[in-house]
Amino acid sequence: MVDVPPTKQGKVLIELLRDRPHAWGSEIGVCRGETMMHLLRHLPRLERLYAVDPWEAYGAYKLSLAARKWRDQKTFDEAFRGYLGRILPFAGKVFILRAFSHEAAKAVPDQSLDFVFIDANHAYQFVREDIDCWSPKVKPGGIIAGHDYLDRPSTGEQWGVIRAVNETFGSKVHMEPHHVWWVEKDG
């Protein structure tokens, strides 16, 4: 198994979920799988975790400043291979949906998840689409969360996470350290 240090957002998410139902969940935007690996290691009641990511260098992503690091398909293929190595010990719990978020959501039953963690493309339209597609998948009382609740990271690029989250959830949004946001789904 390839080991990596825990992500800051992973630590926050583990603490958020530890005392809540978390048997079934999904991470939208997996990349190398560091956050997912730590959820699997530290949440023993986690039974099923959907890994949603196209691992693809697509047009809208190539336009972002993040594309400086993720220039070509080879980089995404390497990330996917690394991910597979990290999650191998948890293979019975992980269900890989190698697709764009809106397509992958069709494979998951409504109200079947205890949580969803959104950390994919941070442009407004994609964050909004992820929220719209995945919120119905979460049970009432479950957690809808995400990362990078900030508008302009150190790269100077404009993101749409805050706008999309606030438009959807308004004053229900809770903030945690390391730019993690979350809401409890209404019953």
C-alpha atoms as a PDB file:
ATOM      1  CA  MET A   1       0.000   0.000   0.000  1.00  0.00           C
ATOM      2  CA  VAL A   2       1.276   3.457  -0.885  1.00  0.00           C
ATOM      3  CA  ASP A   3       1.093   5.689   2.188  1.00  0.00           C
ATOM      4  CA  VAL A   4       0.637   9.448   2.264  1.00  0.00           C
ATOM      5  CA  PRO A   5       0.230  11.893   5.131  1.00  0.00           C
ATOM      6  CA  PRO A   6      -3.375  12.647   6.087  1.00  0.00           C
ATOM      7  CA  THR A   7      -4.962  15.622   4.383  1.00  0.00           C
ATOM      8  CA  LYS A   8      -6.116  18.483   6.582  1.00  0.00           C
ATOM      9  CA  GLN A   9      -9.616  18.259   5.126  1.00  0.00           C
ATOM     10  CA  GLY A  10      -9.605  14.507   5.727  1.00  0.00           C
ATOM     11  CA  LYS A  11      -8.890  15.028   9.427  1.00  0.00           C
ATOM     12  CA  VAL A  12     -11.727  17.560   9.665  1.00  0.00           C
ATOM     13  CA  LEU A  13     -14.133  15.250   7.847  1.00  0.00           C
ATOM     14  CA  ILE A  14     -13.248  12.298  10.079  1.00  0.00           C
ATOM     15  CA  GLU A  15     -14.027  14.355  13.187  1.00  0.00           C
ATOM     16  CA  LEU A  16     -17.271  15.601  11.655  1.00  0.00           C
ATOM     17  CA  LEU A  17     -18.454  12.084  10.792  1.00  0.00           C
ATOM     18  CA  ARG A  18     -17.058  10.047  13.692  1.00  0.00           C
ATOM     19  CA  ASP A  19     -20.175  10.331  15.912  1.00  0.00           C
ATOM     20  CA  ARG A  20     -22.722  10.488  13.088  1.00  0.00           C
ATOM     21  CA  PRO A  21     -24.035   7.769  10.787  1.00  0.00           C
ATOM     22  CA  HIS A  22     -21.444   7.258   8.061  1.00  0.00           C
ATOM     23  CA  ALA A  23     -21.870   3.728   6.713  1.00  0.00           C
ATOM     24  CA  TRP A  24     -22.368   4.881   3.110  1.00  0.00           C
ATOM     25  CA  GLY A  25     -20.772   7.925   1.520  1.00  0.00           C
ATOM     26  CA  SER A  26     -19.250   9.405  -1.582  1.00  0.00           C
ATOM     27  CA  GLU A  27     -16.295  11.603  -2.402  1.00  0.00           C
ATOM     28  CA  ILE A  28     -16.700  13.752  -5.504  1.00  0.00           C
ATOM     29  CA  GLY A  29     -13.260  14.640  -6.858  1.00  0.00           C
ATOM     30  CA  VAL A  30     -10.913  11.925  -5.617  1.00  0.00           C
ATOM     31  CA  CYS A  31      -7.678  12.657  -7.493  1.00  0.00           C
ATOM     32  CA  ARG A  32      -4.933  10.646  -5.742  1.00  0.00           C
ATOM     33  CA  GLY A  33      -7.246   9.380  -2.981  1.00  0.00           C
ATOM     34  CA  GLU A  34      -5.510  10.765   0.099  1.00  0.00           C
ATOM     35  CA  THR A  35      -8.707  11.965   1.774  1.00  0.00           C
ATOM     36  CA  MET A  36     -10.574   8.774   0.912  1.00  0.00           C
ATOM     37  CA  MET A  37      -7.795   6.572   2.252  1.00  0.00           C
ATOM     38  CA  HIS A  38      -7.897   8.304   5.618  1.00  0.00           C
ATOM     39  CA  LEU A  39     -11.674   8.082   5.841  1.00  0.00           C
ATOM     40  CA  LEU A  40     -11.407   4.346   5.237  1.00  0.00           C
ATOM     41  CA  ARG A  41      -8.644   3.945   7.828  1.00  0.00           C
ATOM     42  CA  HIS A  42     -10.237   5.994  10.599  1.00  0.00           C
ATOM     43  CA  LEU A  43     -13.960   5.339  10.203  1.00  0.00           C
ATOM     44  CA  PRO A  44     -14.319   1.591  10.777  1.00  0.00           C
ATOM     45  CA  ARG A  45     -18.120   1.709  10.411  1.00  0.00           C
ATOM     46  CA  LEU A  46     -17.720   2.918   6.817  1.00  0.00           C
ATOM     47  CA  GLU A  47     -19.097   0.116   4.629  1.00  0.00           C
ATOM     48  CA  ARG A  48     -19.420   1.646   1.158  1.00  0.00           C
ATOM     49  CA  LEU A  49     -17.646   4.635  -0.317  1.00  0.00           C
ATOM     50  CA  TYR A  50     -18.242   5.792  -3.885  1.00  0.00           C
ATOM     51  CA  ALA A  51     -15.163   7.290  -5.530  1.00  0.00           C
ATOM     52  CA  VAL A  52     -16.311   9.743  -8.203  1.00  0.00           C
ATOM     53  CA  ASP A  53     -13.755  11.258 -10.564  1.00  0.00           C
ATOM     54  CA  PRO A  54     -13.252  11.113 -14.339  1.00  0.00           C
ATOM     55  CA  TRP A  55      -9.463  11.216 -13.959  1.00  0.00           C
ATOM     56  CA  GLU A  56      -9.545  13.034 -17.281  1.00  0.00           C
ATOM     57  CA  ALA A  57      -7.890  16.173 -18.652  1.00  0.00           C
ATOM     58  CA  TYR A  58     -11.070  17.756 -20.047  1.00  0.00           C
ATOM     59  CA  GLY A  59     -11.517  21.163 -21.659  1.00  0.00           C
ATOM     60  CA  ALA A  60     -13.110  23.117 -18.802  1.00  0.00           C
ATOM     61  CA  TYR A  61     -10.480  21.885 -16.368  1.00  0.00           C
ATOM     62  CA  LYS A  62      -7.617  22.733 -18.702  1.00  0.00           C
ATOM     63  CA  LEU A  63      -8.753  26.367 -18.596  1.00  0.00           C
ATOM     64  CA  SER A  64      -8.204  26.611 -14.839  1.00  0.00           C
ATOM     65  CA  LEU A  65      -4.922  27.553 -13.219  1.00  0.00           C
ATOM     66  CA  ALA A  66      -4.852  24.106 -11.629  1.00  0.00           C
ATOM     67  CA  ALA A  67      -4.126  22.814 -15.129  1.00  0.00           C
ATOM     68  CA  ARG A  68      -0.561  24.087 -14.729  1.00  0.00           C
ATOM     69  CA  LYS A  69      -0.018  21.066 -12.483  1.00  0.00           C
ATOM     70  CA  TRP A  70      -2.441  18.742 -14.292  1.00  0.00           C
ATOM     71  CA  ARG A  71      -1.473  19.437 -17.895  1.00  0.00           C
ATOM     72  CA  ASP A  72      -2.181  16.217 -19.679  1.00  0.00           C
ATOM     73  CA  GLN A  73      -3.866  12.840 -19.515  1.00  0.00           C
ATOM     74  CA  LYS A  74      -0.627  11.166 -18.431  1.00  0.00           C
ATOM     75  CA  THR A  75      -0.720  13.107 -15.151  1.00  0.00           C
ATOM     76  CA  PHE A  76      -4.295  11.987 -14.487  1.00  0.00           C
ATOM     77  CA  ASP A  77      -3.452   8.380 -15.373  1.00  0.00           C
ATOM     78  CA  GLU A  78      -0.559   8.444 -12.879  1.00  0.00           C
ATOM     79  CA  ALA A  79      -2.868   9.867 -10.205  1.00  0.00           C
ATOM     80  CA  PHE A  80      -5.399   7.109 -10.873  1.00  0.00           C
ATOM     81  CA  ARG A  81      -2.754   4.370 -10.622  1.00  0.00           C
ATOM     82  CA  GLY A  82      -1.553   5.866  -7.334  1.00  0.00           C
ATOM     83  CA  TYR A  83      -5.136   5.977  -6.091  1.00  0.00           C
ATOM     84  CA  LEU A  84      -5.653   2.305  -6.909  1.00  0.00           C
ATOM     85  CA  GLY A  85      -2.546   1.435  -4.893  1.00  0.00           C
ATOM     86  CA  ARG A  86      -3.764   3.404  -1.875  1.00  0.00           C
ATOM     87  CA  ILE A  87      -7.241   1.921  -1.712  1.00  0.00           C
ATOM     88  CA  LEU A  88      -6.307  -1.676  -2.504  1.00  0.00           C
ATOM     89  CA  PRO A  89      -6.630  -2.797   1.161  1.00  0.00           C
ATOM     90  CA  PHE A  90     -10.177  -1.384   1.169  1.00  0.00           C
ATOM     91  CA  ALA A  91     -11.254  -2.763  -2.203  1.00  0.00           C
ATOM     92  CA  GLY A  92     -14.435  -4.362  -0.814  1.00  0.00           C
ATOM     93  CA  LYS A  93     -15.658  -1.018   0.491  1.00  0.00           C
ATOM     94  CA  VAL A  94     -14.785   1.251  -2.446  1.00  0.00           C
ATOM     95  CA  PHE A  95     -16.903   1.558  -5.587  1.00  0.00           C
ATOM     96  CA  ILE A  96     -15.112   3.490  -8.305  1.00  0.00           C
ATOM     97  CA  LEU A  97     -17.308   5.577 -10.583  1.00  0.00           C
ATOM     98  CA  ARG A  98     -14.826   6.841 -13.166  1.00  0.00           C
ATOM     99  CA  ALA A  99     -17.134   9.386 -14.733  1.00  0.00           C
ATOM    100  CA  PHE A 100     -18.119  13.018 -14.504  1.00  0.00           C
ATOM    101  CA  SER A 101     -20.127  13.791 -11.406  1.00  0.00           C
ATOM    102  CA  HIS A 102     -23.515  14.283 -13.076  1.00  0.00           C
ATOM    103  CA  GLU A 103     -23.165  10.938 -14.871  1.00  0.00           C
ATOM    104  CA  ALA A 104     -21.946   9.044 -11.798  1.00  0.00           C
ATOM    105  CA  ALA A 105     -24.831  10.344  -9.685  1.00  0.00           C
ATOM    106  CA  LYS A 106     -27.252   8.347 -11.842  1.00  0.00           C
ATOM    107  CA  ALA A 107     -25.683   5.112 -10.504  1.00  0.00           C
ATOM    108  CA  VAL A 108     -26.354   5.951  -6.836  1.00  0.00           C
ATOM    109  CA  PRO A 109     -29.868   5.614  -5.378  1.00  0.00           C
ATOM    110  CA  ASP A 110     -31.518   8.692  -3.880  1.00  0.00           C
ATOM    111  CA  GLN A 111     -31.360   8.938  -0.083  1.00  0.00           C
ATOM    112  CA  SER A 112     -28.852   6.083   0.143  1.00  0.00           C
ATOM    113  CA  LEU A 113     -25.843   8.020   1.462  1.00  0.00           C
ATOM    114  CA  ASP A 114     -25.037   9.218   4.957  1.00  0.00           C
ATOM    115  CA  PHE A 115     -22.638  11.822   3.551  1.00  0.00           C
ATOM    116  CA  VAL A 116     -21.141  13.270   0.415  1.00  0.00           C
ATOM    117  CA  PHE A 117     -17.879  15.239   0.236  1.00  0.00           C
ATOM    118  CA  ILE A 118     -17.492  17.559  -2.766  1.00  0.00           C
ATOM    119  CA  ASP A 119     -13.946  18.498  -3.779  1.00  0.00           C
ATOM    120  CA  ALA A 120     -13.921  18.455  -7.584  1.00  0.00           C
ATOM    121  CA  ASN A 121     -13.792  21.292 -10.143  1.00  0.00           C
ATOM    122  CA  HIS A 122     -14.138  24.533  -8.138  1.00  0.00           C
ATOM    123  CA  ALA A 123     -15.659  26.673 -10.892  1.00  0.00           C
ATOM    124  CA  TYR A 124     -19.133  27.882  -9.935  1.00  0.00           C
ATOM    125  CA  GLN A 125     -21.118  25.914 -12.513  1.00  0.00           C
ATOM    126  CA  PHE A 126     -19.424  22.639 -11.545  1.00  0.00           C
ATOM    127  CA  VAL A 127     -19.793  23.120  -7.790  1.00  0.00           C
ATOM    128  CA  ARG A 128     -23.445  23.971  -8.289  1.00  0.00           C
ATOM    129  CA  GLU A 129     -23.936  20.904 -10.489  1.00  0.00           C
ATOM    130  CA  ASP A 130     -22.245  18.669  -7.904  1.00  0.00           C
ATOM    131  CA  ILE A 131     -24.488  20.009  -5.135  1.00  0.00           C
ATOM    132  CA  ASP A 132     -27.618  19.646  -7.271  1.00  0.00           C
ATOM    133  CA  CYS A 133     -26.759  16.092  -8.390  1.00  0.00           C
ATOM    134  CA  TRP A 134     -25.554  14.721  -5.067  1.00  0.00           C
ATOM    135  CA  SER A 135     -27.797  16.354  -2.453  1.00  0.00           C
ATOM    136  CA  PRO A 136     -30.732  14.036  -3.370  1.00  0.00           C
ATOM    137  CA  LYS A 137     -28.448  11.053  -2.765  1.00  0.00           C
ATOM    138  CA  VAL A 138     -28.041  11.964   0.925  1.00  0.00           C
ATOM    139  CA  LYS A 139     -30.505  10.749   3.549  1.00  0.00           C
ATOM    140  CA  PRO A 140     -32.389  13.318   5.663  1.00  0.00           C
ATOM    141  CA  GLY A 141     -30.114  14.169   8.571  1.00  0.00           C
ATOM    142  CA  GLY A 142     -27.030  13.236   6.538  1.00  0.00           C
ATOM    143  CA  ILE A 143     -24.097  15.518   5.762  1.00  0.00           C
ATOM    144  CA  ILE A 144     -23.388  17.382   2.533  1.00  0.00           C
ATOM    145  CA  ALA A 145     -19.866  18.778   2.789  1.00  0.00           C
ATOM    146  CA  GLY A 146     -17.061  20.066   0.665  1.00  0.00           C
ATOM    147  CA  HIS A 147     -13.651  21.634   0.542  1.00  0.00           C
ATOM    148  CA  ASP A 148     -12.117  24.935  -0.519  1.00  0.00           C
ATOM    149  CA  TYR A 149     -14.783  27.312   0.745  1.00  0.00           C
ATOM    150  CA  LEU A 150     -12.832  30.317  -0.472  1.00  0.00           C
ATOM    151  CA  ASP A 151     -13.100  32.495  -3.534  1.00  0.00           C
ATOM    152  CA  ARG A 152      -9.540  33.220  -4.466  1.00  0.00           C
ATOM    153  CA  PRO A 153      -6.808  30.804  -3.422  1.00  0.00           C
ATOM    154  CA  SER A 154      -3.141  31.742  -3.443  1.00  0.00           C
ATOM    155  CA  THR A 155      -3.066  31.131  -7.203  1.00  0.00           C
ATOM    156  CA  GLY A 156      -5.282  34.188  -7.693  1.00  0.00           C
ATOM    157  CA  GLU A 157      -7.788  32.142  -9.676  1.00  0.00           C
ATOM    158  CA  GLN A 158     -11.474  32.961  -9.120  1.00  0.00           C
ATOM    159  CA  TRP A 159     -13.435  30.020  -7.719  1.00  0.00           C
ATOM    160  CA  GLY A 160     -17.168  29.611  -7.281  1.00  0.00           C
ATOM    161  CA  VAL A 161     -17.372  27.419  -4.185  1.00  0.00           C
ATOM    162  CA  ILE A 162     -18.650  30.103  -1.790  1.00  0.00           C
ATOM    163  CA  ARG A 163     -21.219  31.419  -4.252  1.00  0.00           C
ATOM    164  CA  ALA A 164     -22.588  27.967  -5.140  1.00  0.00           C
ATOM    165  CA  VAL A 165     -22.722  26.801  -1.506  1.00  0.00           C
ATOM    166  CA  ASN A 166     -24.309  30.007  -0.211  1.00  0.00           C
ATOM    167  CA  GLU A 167     -26.898  30.169  -2.999  1.00  0.00           C
ATOM    168  CA  THR A 168     -27.946  26.613  -2.263  1.00  0.00           C
ATOM    169  CA  PHE A 169     -27.803  26.463   1.528  1.00  0.00           C
ATOM    170  CA  GLY A 170     -27.720  30.064   2.791  1.00  0.00           C
ATOM    171  CA  SER A 171     -27.380  30.399   6.548  1.00  0.00           C
ATOM    172  CA  LYS A 172     -27.383  26.617   7.114  1.00  0.00           C
ATOM    173  CA  VAL A 173     -23.690  26.401   6.145  1.00  0.00           C
ATOM    174  CA  HIS A 174     -21.243  25.443   8.896  1.00  0.00           C
ATOM    175  CA  MET A 175     -17.558  26.200   8.582  1.00  0.00           C
ATOM    176  CA  GLU A 176     -14.704  24.083   9.858  1.00  0.00           C
ATOM    177  CA  PRO A 177     -10.942  24.611   9.740  1.00  0.00           C
ATOM    178  CA  HIS A 178      -9.058  24.194   6.472  1.00  0.00           C
ATOM    179  CA  HIS A 179     -11.880  25.593   4.336  1.00  0.00           C
ATOM    180  CA  VAL A 180     -14.277  22.691   4.921  1.00  0.00           C
ATOM    181  CA  TRP A 181     -17.995  23.550   4.718  1.00  0.00           C
ATOM    182  CA  TRP A 182     -20.968  21.366   5.588  1.00  0.00           C
ATOM    183  CA  VAL A 183     -24.729  21.292   6.050  1.00  0.00           C
ATOM    184  CA  GLU A 184     -27.079  18.762   7.538  1.00  0.00           C
ATOM    185  CA  LYS A 185     -29.728  17.706   5.039  1.00  0.00           C
ATOM    186  CA  ASP A 186     -33.229  18.663   6.107  1.00  0.00           C
ATOM    187  CA  GLY A 187     -35.611  15.871   7.005  1.00  0.00           C
END
